Amino acid sequence: MAGGIVAFFSLEMSSEQLAARVISEQTEIPSYDIRRGDIDETTFGKVRLPPENPPAGATY
């Protein structure tokens, strides 16, 4: 369904863990590296740039 609204929730993961997982998926940076803060400046630049194909609709 194009333009739909998406909600992420988990009873097992904190909001920080969910955010790291989404960032990892969008940037192709291993979530383990994101959680540990083990990323260099070049890799961090991938996190700050908006995705080339942003998801349609709102995400909550």
N, C-alpha and C. Protein backbone atom coordinates (compact mmCIF):
# COMPACT_ATOMS: atom_id res chain seq x y z
N MET A 1 0.85 -1.17 0.00
CA MET A 1 0.00 0.00 0.00
C MET A 1 0.89 1.23 0.00
N ALA A 2 0.98 1.91 -1.11
CA ALA A 2 1.83 3.10 -1.23
C ALA A 2 1.28 4.23 -0.37
N GLY A 3 2.19 4.92 0.30
CA GLY A 3 1.81 6.07 1.11
C GLY A 3 1.19 5.71 2.44
N GLY A 4 1.30 4.46 2.84
CA GLY A 4 0.72 4.04 4.11
C GLY A 4 1.54 4.50 5.29
N ILE A 5 0.99 4.36 6.46
CA ILE A 5 1.67 4.73 7.70
C ILE A 5 2.20 3.46 8.35
N VAL A 6 3.42 3.55 8.87
CA VAL A 6 4.07 2.40 9.48
C VAL A 6 4.35 2.70 10.94
N ALA A 7 4.11 1.74 11.80
CA ALA A 7 4.43 1.86 13.22
C ALA A 7 5.41 0.75 13.59
N PHE A 8 6.49 1.13 14.25
CA PHE A 8 7.45 0.15 14.77
C PHE A 8 7.23 0.05 16.27
N PHE A 9 7.10 -1.15 16.78
CA PHE A 9 7.06 -1.33 18.22
C PHE A 9 7.63 -2.69 18.55
N SER A 10 8.12 -2.79 19.75
CA SER A 10 8.71 -4.04 20.19
C SER A 10 8.62 -4.11 21.70
N LEU A 11 8.28 -5.27 22.18
CA LEU A 11 8.25 -5.48 23.63
C LEU A 11 9.61 -5.94 24.13
N GLU A 12 10.51 -6.26 23.20
CA GLU A 12 11.81 -6.80 23.56
C GLU A 12 12.97 -5.84 23.32
N MET A 13 12.76 -4.79 22.54
CA MET A 13 13.84 -3.87 22.20
C MET A 13 13.48 -2.46 22.63
N SER A 14 14.50 -1.70 23.07
CA SER A 14 14.28 -0.30 23.43
C SER A 14 14.14 0.53 22.16
N SER A 15 13.68 1.76 22.31
CA SER A 15 13.56 2.64 21.15
C SER A 15 14.92 2.90 20.52
N GLU A 16 15.98 2.96 21.34
CA GLU A 16 17.33 3.16 20.81
C GLU A 16 17.77 1.96 19.96
N GLN A 17 17.44 0.77 20.42
CA GLN A 17 17.80 -0.43 19.66
C GLN A 17 17.03 -0.50 18.34
N LEU A 18 15.75 -0.14 18.37
CA LEU A 18 14.96 -0.11 17.13
C LEU A 18 15.51 0.92 16.16
N ALA A 19 15.88 2.10 16.67
CA ALA A 19 16.44 3.15 15.81
C ALA A 19 17.75 2.68 15.18
N ALA A 20 18.61 2.04 15.97
CA ALA A 20 19.88 1.53 15.44
C ALA A 20 19.63 0.50 14.36
N ARG A 21 18.62 -0.31 14.56
CA ARG A 21 18.30 -1.34 13.56
C ARG A 21 17.82 -0.73 12.25
N VAL A 22 16.98 0.30 12.32
CA VAL A 22 16.49 0.98 11.12
C VAL A 22 17.65 1.69 10.42
N ILE A 23 18.49 2.38 11.19
CA ILE A 23 19.65 3.06 10.61
C ILE A 23 20.57 2.06 9.94
N SER A 24 20.79 0.94 10.58
CA SER A 24 21.63 -0.11 10.02
C SER A 24 21.08 -0.60 8.69
N GLU A 25 19.79 -0.81 8.63
CA GLU A 25 19.15 -1.29 7.40
C GLU A 25 19.27 -0.27 6.28
N GLN A 26 19.05 1.01 6.60
CA GLN A 26 19.08 2.06 5.58
C GLN A 26 20.49 2.37 5.10
N THR A 27 21.49 2.24 5.96
CA THR A 27 22.86 2.64 5.61
C THR A 27 23.78 1.47 5.30
N GLU A 28 23.32 0.25 5.57
CA GLU A 28 24.13 -0.96 5.40
C GLU A 28 25.37 -0.97 6.30
N ILE A 29 25.28 -0.27 7.43
CA ILE A 29 26.32 -0.30 8.46
C ILE A 29 25.88 -1.36 9.47
N PRO A 30 26.76 -2.28 9.83
CA PRO A 30 26.36 -3.32 10.79
C PRO A 30 25.83 -2.70 12.09
N SER A 31 24.69 -3.20 12.56
CA SER A 31 24.10 -2.65 13.78
C SER A 31 25.03 -2.81 14.98
N TYR A 32 25.85 -3.85 14.96
CA TYR A 32 26.82 -4.05 16.04
C TYR A 32 27.77 -2.85 16.13
N ASP A 33 28.24 -2.36 14.98
CA ASP A 33 29.13 -1.20 14.96
C ASP A 33 28.42 0.06 15.44
N ILE A 34 27.16 0.21 15.06
CA ILE A 34 26.39 1.38 15.50
C ILE A 34 26.21 1.35 17.01
N ARG A 35 25.82 0.20 17.55
CA ARG A 35 25.61 0.09 19.00
C ARG A 35 26.87 0.37 19.79
N ARG A 36 28.02 -0.08 19.28
CA ARG A 36 29.29 0.14 19.97
C ARG A 36 29.87 1.52 19.72
N GLY A 37 29.33 2.24 18.73
CA GLY A 37 29.90 3.53 18.36
C GLY A 37 31.21 3.38 17.62
N ASP A 38 31.39 2.22 17.00
CA ASP A 38 32.65 1.89 16.32
C ASP A 38 32.55 2.22 14.83
N ILE A 39 32.38 3.53 14.53
CA ILE A 39 32.31 3.96 13.14
C ILE A 39 33.22 5.17 12.95
N ASP A 40 33.86 5.24 11.79
CA ASP A 40 34.76 6.36 11.51
C ASP A 40 33.96 7.51 10.87
N GLU A 41 34.66 8.62 10.56
CA GLU A 41 33.98 9.81 10.02
C GLU A 41 33.30 9.53 8.69
N THR A 42 33.95 8.77 7.83
CA THR A 42 33.36 8.46 6.53
C THR A 42 32.08 7.66 6.70
N THR A 43 32.11 6.67 7.56
CA THR A 43 30.93 5.85 7.81
C THR A 43 29.85 6.67 8.48
N PHE A 44 30.22 7.55 9.40
CA PHE A 44 29.24 8.39 10.07
C PHE A 44 28.53 9.29 9.08
N GLY A 45 29.24 9.71 8.02
CA GLY A 45 28.62 10.53 6.98
C GLY A 45 27.44 9.82 6.34
N LYS A 46 27.49 8.51 6.24
CA LYS A 46 26.37 7.74 5.68
C LYS A 46 25.15 7.83 6.58
N VAL A 47 25.38 7.96 7.88
CA VAL A 47 24.27 8.04 8.82
C VAL A 47 23.60 9.40 8.72
N ARG A 48 24.38 10.44 8.51
CA ARG A 48 23.84 11.79 8.49
C ARG A 48 23.13 12.13 7.19
N LEU A 49 23.49 11.48 6.08
CA LEU A 49 22.86 11.77 4.81
C LEU A 49 21.49 11.12 4.73
N PRO A 50 20.53 11.81 4.12
CA PRO A 50 19.21 11.17 3.97
C PRO A 50 19.30 10.02 2.98
N PRO A 51 18.47 9.02 3.14
CA PRO A 51 18.50 7.89 2.21
C PRO A 51 18.11 8.32 0.80
N GLU A 52 18.67 7.65 -0.20
CA GLU A 52 18.35 7.98 -1.59
C GLU A 52 16.89 7.65 -1.90
N ASN A 53 16.37 6.62 -1.30
CA ASN A 53 14.98 6.22 -1.52
C ASN A 53 14.25 6.20 -0.18
N PRO A 54 13.85 7.39 0.31
CA PRO A 54 13.20 7.41 1.62
C PRO A 54 11.87 6.66 1.56
N PRO A 55 11.51 6.05 2.66
CA PRO A 55 10.23 5.33 2.68
C PRO A 55 9.07 6.30 2.51
N ALA A 56 8.06 5.88 1.80
CA ALA A 56 6.87 6.71 1.61
C ALA A 56 6.00 6.65 2.85
N GLY A 57 5.32 7.73 3.13
CA GLY A 57 4.41 7.74 4.26
C GLY A 57 5.12 8.06 5.56
N ALA A 58 4.34 8.13 6.60
CA ALA A 58 4.87 8.47 7.92
C ALA A 58 5.32 7.21 8.65
N THR A 59 6.31 7.38 9.50
CA THR A 59 6.79 6.29 10.34
C THR A 59 6.68 6.74 11.79
N TYR A 60 6.06 5.94 12.62
CA TYR A 60 5.90 6.26 14.04
C TYR A 60 6.49 5.18 14.89
